[in-house]
Amino acid sequence: MTIPRRRLLWRTVSCTAAGILLGACAVARPKDRSSPATSHPGHPPRPDRHGGSVRHSPTTATRARTPARTVEIGHGPRSAPRVALTFHGAGDPSTAEALLRAAEHVNVPLTVLAVGTWLSQNPTMADRIRHGGHELGNHTLHHLPMRTLDRSQAYDEISGCATVLRRLTGSAGMWFRASGTQHTTPLIRTAATRAGYRFCLSYDVDTLDYLDPGPAAVVRNGVDSAKPGSILSLHMGHPGTVRALPGLVAGLRARGLQPVTVTDLLR
């Protein structure tokens, strides 16, 4: 039977279109869901119940797309001879600069949790900290006592500092530390989750340097209390802390403890 030329042309076009659609369906595979969804930059190690870290398993990675619930970290793994020196980022910028130089002189990277208003008033400090090999995180916008804040205020404090960090560095940073308290509350952790942070960074060694007890006391408080995995709390705006830093580092190293960033501590 002879097929009319117009009908033959229509069948040819239809078959070609069907082939294109079938090819597109074969190429368009389902999206890979093996990567954990997150609303903050980077994929840091997930802390275990001891404050150490474990890597994402395929089971963990295929869970909900929402950010993981924020957890508090008080120290790193006790099995490795490392500690982290963490600093409240505020105070006289010349004192902060002196502290950074002192740390770099003894080849020690710091983790600085900066107050957002301080960074806004001293914007060059953000690049100075990062370019010196240190890491920079969030210590709220105004350094208010967070346990007294309601849910909305707590979120505004965390997200406000995150906004300053993004504006100055392009990243909100991995670490958030609550202001006015060593330990967080469920309300603070919920606000941190909403702001995109998976970790609230606490500490297990308080050097009490903010009381200005003198360099010898700061060294003693830090060295005597430190253990493998310890996170030490210090402050940038105190000249006594600057003078104490070389002795603190020497004392920690004499005990076989090497200061590293928090990221390296938990890696």
Foldseek 3Di string as FASTA:
>chain_A
DDDDPVVVVVVVVVVVVVVVVVVVVVPDDDDDQQAAAFDFPDDFFPADPQLAGDHDDSVNSNDDNAHDQADEHAWYDQPDQAEAEEAEAAADVVLLVLLLVLCVVVPFAHEYAYAQVRCVVVVVVLVVNVVSVHHYAHAFHHLDQLVPDALVVLLCRLLVSLVSNCVRPVGNGAEYEYHNDQDDDSSNSVSCSVSGHRYHYHWDFELVCVVVPALVSSLCSQLVRDGQGGYYYYYRRHNRCSVNVVSNQVSSVVVVYHYHHPSVSRD
